[in-house]
N, C-alpha and C. Protein backbone atom coordinates (compact mmCIF):
# COMPACT_ATOMS: atom_id res chain seq x y z
N MET A 1 -15.96 -17.27 -134.12
CA MET A 1 -17.32 -17.00 -134.51
C MET A 1 -18.22 -18.10 -133.96
N MET A 2 -19.40 -17.68 -133.56
CA MET A 2 -20.33 -18.59 -132.91
C MET A 2 -21.68 -18.59 -133.62
N ASP A 3 -22.23 -19.76 -133.80
CA ASP A 3 -23.60 -19.91 -134.29
C ASP A 3 -24.51 -19.62 -133.10
N ILE A 4 -25.28 -18.53 -133.14
CA ILE A 4 -26.06 -18.17 -131.97
C ILE A 4 -27.26 -19.08 -131.75
N TYR A 5 -27.65 -19.86 -132.74
CA TYR A 5 -28.75 -20.80 -132.55
C TYR A 5 -28.28 -22.03 -131.75
N SER A 6 -27.19 -22.63 -132.18
CA SER A 6 -26.70 -23.84 -131.52
C SER A 6 -25.63 -23.57 -130.46
N HIS A 7 -25.09 -22.36 -130.44
CA HIS A 7 -23.99 -21.96 -129.56
C HIS A 7 -22.69 -22.70 -129.90
N LYS A 8 -22.63 -23.25 -131.08
CA LYS A 8 -21.43 -23.95 -131.55
C LYS A 8 -20.39 -22.93 -132.01
N ILE A 9 -19.16 -23.13 -131.60
CA ILE A 9 -18.06 -22.31 -132.11
C ILE A 9 -17.74 -22.85 -133.50
N VAL A 10 -18.00 -22.05 -134.53
CA VAL A 10 -17.80 -22.52 -135.90
C VAL A 10 -16.45 -22.10 -136.48
N GLY A 11 -15.77 -21.18 -135.82
CA GLY A 11 -14.45 -20.78 -136.30
C GLY A 11 -13.77 -19.82 -135.35
N TRP A 12 -12.44 -19.90 -135.35
CA TRP A 12 -11.64 -18.94 -134.59
C TRP A 12 -10.24 -18.92 -135.17
N LYS A 13 -9.62 -17.77 -135.07
CA LYS A 13 -8.25 -17.56 -135.54
C LYS A 13 -7.59 -16.53 -134.64
N ILE A 14 -6.30 -16.61 -134.53
CA ILE A 14 -5.51 -15.61 -133.83
C ILE A 14 -4.41 -15.13 -134.77
N HIS A 15 -4.34 -13.82 -134.95
CA HIS A 15 -3.31 -13.20 -135.77
C HIS A 15 -2.63 -12.10 -134.96
N ASP A 16 -1.51 -11.64 -135.44
CA ASP A 16 -0.80 -10.59 -134.72
C ASP A 16 -1.37 -9.19 -134.99
N CYS A 17 -2.34 -9.09 -135.91
CA CYS A 17 -2.99 -7.82 -136.18
C CYS A 17 -4.39 -8.09 -136.75
N GLU A 18 -5.24 -7.07 -136.72
CA GLU A 18 -6.59 -7.19 -137.27
C GLU A 18 -6.58 -6.71 -138.71
N ARG A 19 -7.09 -7.58 -139.60
CA ARG A 19 -7.17 -7.20 -141.02
C ARG A 19 -8.42 -7.79 -141.63
N SER A 20 -9.01 -7.04 -142.54
CA SER A 20 -10.23 -7.46 -143.20
C SER A 20 -10.04 -8.74 -144.01
N ASP A 21 -8.88 -8.90 -144.63
CA ASP A 21 -8.66 -10.11 -145.44
C ASP A 21 -8.56 -11.36 -144.56
N TYR A 22 -8.04 -11.23 -143.34
CA TYR A 22 -8.02 -12.37 -142.41
C TYR A 22 -9.44 -12.79 -142.05
N ALA A 23 -10.28 -11.81 -141.77
CA ALA A 23 -11.68 -12.10 -141.43
C ALA A 23 -12.38 -12.75 -142.61
N GLY A 24 -12.11 -12.27 -143.82
CA GLY A 24 -12.72 -12.85 -145.01
C GLY A 24 -12.30 -14.28 -145.24
N GLU A 25 -11.02 -14.57 -145.05
CA GLU A 25 -10.54 -15.95 -145.22
C GLU A 25 -11.17 -16.88 -144.19
N MET A 26 -11.32 -16.40 -142.96
CA MET A 26 -11.94 -17.22 -141.94
C MET A 26 -13.40 -17.50 -142.31
N MET A 27 -14.09 -16.50 -142.82
CA MET A 27 -15.49 -16.70 -143.21
C MET A 27 -15.60 -17.69 -144.37
N LYS A 28 -14.68 -17.63 -145.33
CA LYS A 28 -14.68 -18.62 -146.42
C LYS A 28 -14.49 -20.03 -145.88
N ASP A 29 -13.55 -20.19 -144.95
CA ASP A 29 -13.29 -21.50 -144.34
C ASP A 29 -14.53 -22.02 -143.62
N ILE A 30 -15.19 -21.15 -142.86
CA ILE A 30 -16.37 -21.56 -142.11
C ILE A 30 -17.49 -21.99 -143.06
N CYS A 31 -17.74 -21.20 -144.09
CA CYS A 31 -18.82 -21.53 -145.03
C CYS A 31 -18.56 -22.86 -145.72
N GLN A 32 -17.31 -23.11 -146.09
CA GLN A 32 -16.98 -24.37 -146.74
C GLN A 32 -17.12 -25.55 -145.77
N ARG A 33 -16.54 -25.41 -144.59
CA ARG A 33 -16.55 -26.50 -143.61
C ARG A 33 -17.97 -26.82 -143.12
N GLU A 34 -18.80 -25.79 -142.93
CA GLU A 34 -20.13 -25.98 -142.38
C GLU A 34 -21.19 -26.21 -143.47
N GLY A 35 -20.79 -26.12 -144.74
CA GLY A 35 -21.74 -26.34 -145.83
C GLY A 35 -22.80 -25.26 -145.94
N ILE A 36 -22.41 -24.02 -145.70
CA ILE A 36 -23.35 -22.90 -145.73
C ILE A 36 -23.61 -22.49 -147.18
N LYS A 37 -24.88 -22.36 -147.51
CA LYS A 37 -25.29 -21.98 -148.86
C LYS A 37 -25.60 -20.49 -148.91
N ARG A 38 -25.61 -19.92 -150.11
CA ARG A 38 -25.92 -18.51 -150.32
C ARG A 38 -27.28 -18.17 -149.70
N GLY A 39 -27.33 -17.06 -148.98
CA GLY A 39 -28.58 -16.59 -148.40
C GLY A 39 -29.02 -17.35 -147.16
N GLN A 40 -28.20 -18.23 -146.65
CA GLN A 40 -28.58 -19.06 -145.51
C GLN A 40 -28.29 -18.41 -144.16
N VAL A 41 -27.28 -17.56 -144.08
CA VAL A 41 -26.90 -16.99 -142.78
C VAL A 41 -26.69 -15.49 -142.84
N THR A 42 -26.75 -14.89 -141.65
CA THR A 42 -26.42 -13.48 -141.43
C THR A 42 -25.25 -13.45 -140.46
N LEU A 43 -24.26 -12.65 -140.77
CA LEU A 43 -23.11 -12.48 -139.87
C LEU A 43 -23.29 -11.18 -139.12
N HIS A 44 -23.47 -11.27 -137.79
CA HIS A 44 -23.61 -10.08 -136.95
C HIS A 44 -22.29 -9.83 -136.25
N SER A 45 -21.82 -8.61 -136.31
CA SER A 45 -20.52 -8.28 -135.71
C SER A 45 -20.54 -6.86 -135.15
N ASP A 46 -19.42 -6.52 -134.52
CA ASP A 46 -19.26 -5.15 -134.04
C ASP A 46 -18.92 -4.25 -135.23
N ASN A 47 -18.62 -3.01 -134.94
CA ASN A 47 -18.31 -2.05 -135.99
C ASN A 47 -16.81 -1.91 -136.23
N GLY A 48 -16.05 -2.93 -135.89
CA GLY A 48 -14.60 -2.88 -136.08
C GLY A 48 -14.22 -2.83 -137.55
N SER A 49 -13.09 -2.22 -137.82
CA SER A 49 -12.66 -2.05 -139.21
C SER A 49 -12.43 -3.36 -139.95
N PRO A 50 -11.95 -4.45 -139.32
CA PRO A 50 -11.80 -5.70 -140.07
C PRO A 50 -13.14 -6.25 -140.57
N MET A 51 -14.18 -6.07 -139.78
CA MET A 51 -15.49 -6.61 -140.16
C MET A 51 -16.22 -5.73 -141.16
N LYS A 52 -15.86 -4.44 -141.20
CA LYS A 52 -16.51 -3.52 -142.13
C LYS A 52 -15.61 -3.16 -143.32
N GLY A 53 -14.42 -3.77 -143.38
CA GLY A 53 -13.48 -3.48 -144.45
C GLY A 53 -14.00 -3.97 -145.81
N ALA A 54 -13.52 -3.35 -146.86
CA ALA A 54 -13.96 -3.67 -148.21
C ALA A 54 -13.71 -5.14 -148.57
N THR A 55 -12.58 -5.69 -148.15
CA THR A 55 -12.27 -7.08 -148.46
C THR A 55 -13.28 -8.02 -147.80
N MET A 56 -13.59 -7.78 -146.55
CA MET A 56 -14.55 -8.62 -145.83
C MET A 56 -15.95 -8.49 -146.43
N LEU A 57 -16.38 -7.28 -146.70
CA LEU A 57 -17.71 -7.07 -147.27
C LEU A 57 -17.84 -7.71 -148.66
N ALA A 58 -16.77 -7.63 -149.45
CA ALA A 58 -16.78 -8.27 -150.77
C ALA A 58 -16.84 -9.78 -150.63
N THR A 59 -16.13 -10.32 -149.65
CA THR A 59 -16.16 -11.76 -149.40
C THR A 59 -17.56 -12.20 -148.98
N LEU A 60 -18.19 -11.44 -148.08
CA LEU A 60 -19.54 -11.78 -147.65
C LEU A 60 -20.51 -11.77 -148.82
N GLN A 61 -20.37 -10.76 -149.68
CA GLN A 61 -21.25 -10.68 -150.85
C GLN A 61 -21.02 -11.89 -151.77
N GLN A 62 -19.78 -12.26 -151.98
CA GLN A 62 -19.43 -13.41 -152.82
C GLN A 62 -20.01 -14.70 -152.23
N LEU A 63 -19.99 -14.83 -150.91
CA LEU A 63 -20.50 -16.03 -150.24
C LEU A 63 -22.01 -16.02 -150.07
N GLY A 64 -22.65 -14.87 -150.27
CA GLY A 64 -24.08 -14.76 -150.07
C GLY A 64 -24.46 -14.67 -148.60
N VAL A 65 -23.56 -14.10 -147.79
CA VAL A 65 -23.79 -13.92 -146.36
C VAL A 65 -24.19 -12.47 -146.12
N MET A 66 -25.31 -12.27 -145.42
CA MET A 66 -25.79 -10.91 -145.14
C MET A 66 -25.07 -10.33 -143.93
N PRO A 67 -24.43 -9.16 -144.07
CA PRO A 67 -23.78 -8.54 -142.91
C PRO A 67 -24.79 -7.79 -142.04
N SER A 68 -24.53 -7.78 -140.74
CA SER A 68 -25.32 -7.04 -139.77
C SER A 68 -24.34 -6.49 -138.74
N PHE A 69 -24.56 -5.24 -138.31
CA PHE A 69 -23.61 -4.61 -137.38
C PHE A 69 -24.31 -4.07 -136.14
N SER A 70 -23.58 -4.07 -135.03
CA SER A 70 -24.08 -3.49 -133.79
C SER A 70 -24.33 -2.01 -133.97
N ARG A 71 -25.22 -1.48 -133.16
CA ARG A 71 -25.46 -0.04 -133.20
C ARG A 71 -24.31 0.68 -132.52
N PRO A 72 -23.80 1.73 -133.12
CA PRO A 72 -22.68 2.47 -132.51
C PRO A 72 -23.06 3.05 -131.15
N SER A 73 -22.13 2.97 -130.21
CA SER A 73 -22.27 3.55 -128.87
C SER A 73 -23.39 2.95 -128.05
N VAL A 74 -23.81 1.73 -128.35
CA VAL A 74 -24.82 1.04 -127.56
C VAL A 74 -24.17 -0.21 -127.00
N SER A 75 -23.99 -0.24 -125.68
CA SER A 75 -23.21 -1.32 -125.08
C SER A 75 -24.02 -2.57 -124.77
N ASN A 76 -25.35 -2.50 -124.81
CA ASN A 76 -26.13 -3.66 -124.40
C ASN A 76 -26.64 -4.50 -125.58
N VAL A 77 -26.06 -4.36 -126.75
CA VAL A 77 -26.49 -5.16 -127.90
C VAL A 77 -25.57 -6.35 -128.14
N ASN A 78 -24.65 -6.59 -127.25
CA ASN A 78 -23.69 -7.67 -127.45
C ASN A 78 -23.90 -8.83 -126.49
N ALA A 79 -25.15 -9.16 -126.20
CA ALA A 79 -25.45 -10.22 -125.24
C ALA A 79 -24.86 -11.56 -125.66
N TYR A 80 -24.88 -11.86 -126.95
CA TYR A 80 -24.33 -13.14 -127.42
C TYR A 80 -22.82 -13.20 -127.18
N SER A 81 -22.14 -12.10 -127.43
CA SER A 81 -20.70 -12.06 -127.18
C SER A 81 -20.39 -12.22 -125.70
N GLU A 82 -21.16 -11.52 -124.87
CA GLU A 82 -20.94 -11.63 -123.42
C GLU A 82 -21.19 -13.06 -122.94
N ARG A 83 -22.21 -13.72 -123.48
CA ARG A 83 -22.48 -15.10 -123.10
C ARG A 83 -21.33 -16.01 -123.53
N LEU A 84 -20.80 -15.78 -124.73
CA LEU A 84 -19.67 -16.57 -125.20
C LEU A 84 -18.46 -16.38 -124.29
N PHE A 85 -18.17 -15.13 -123.91
CA PHE A 85 -17.04 -14.87 -123.02
C PHE A 85 -17.23 -15.58 -121.68
N ARG A 86 -18.46 -15.59 -121.16
CA ARG A 86 -18.72 -16.28 -119.89
C ARG A 86 -18.51 -17.79 -120.06
N THR A 87 -18.99 -18.34 -121.16
CA THR A 87 -18.80 -19.77 -121.42
C THR A 87 -17.32 -20.10 -121.49
N LEU A 88 -16.55 -19.31 -122.21
CA LEU A 88 -15.11 -19.55 -122.33
C LEU A 88 -14.40 -19.43 -120.98
N LYS A 89 -14.85 -18.48 -120.17
CA LYS A 89 -14.20 -18.24 -118.88
C LYS A 89 -14.45 -19.36 -117.88
N TYR A 90 -15.65 -19.95 -117.89
CA TYR A 90 -16.01 -20.92 -116.86
C TYR A 90 -16.07 -22.36 -117.34
N SER A 91 -15.83 -22.61 -118.60
CA SER A 91 -15.83 -24.00 -119.11
C SER A 91 -14.42 -24.50 -119.22
N PRO A 92 -14.21 -25.77 -118.86
CA PRO A 92 -12.84 -26.31 -118.96
C PRO A 92 -12.40 -26.44 -120.41
């Protein structure tokens, strides 16, 4: 996950499968480590099932993080993700 204001990578995890509870745990870790307060941030993501799963949405509500999702079938709304991929690809 990336803070789009500072472009800081605030969290990342690799698992053998995608699950909503994994995403929720990562978000809890990020909020604690970064000192994020209720109502301070919005999490924008794709429409993948881990990000829209009940466990993740309940975690976001508990943390006071507002969810935001990409528009379905619109490929040009992910500019921040594409920029992150370019940074990862060309940075040592």
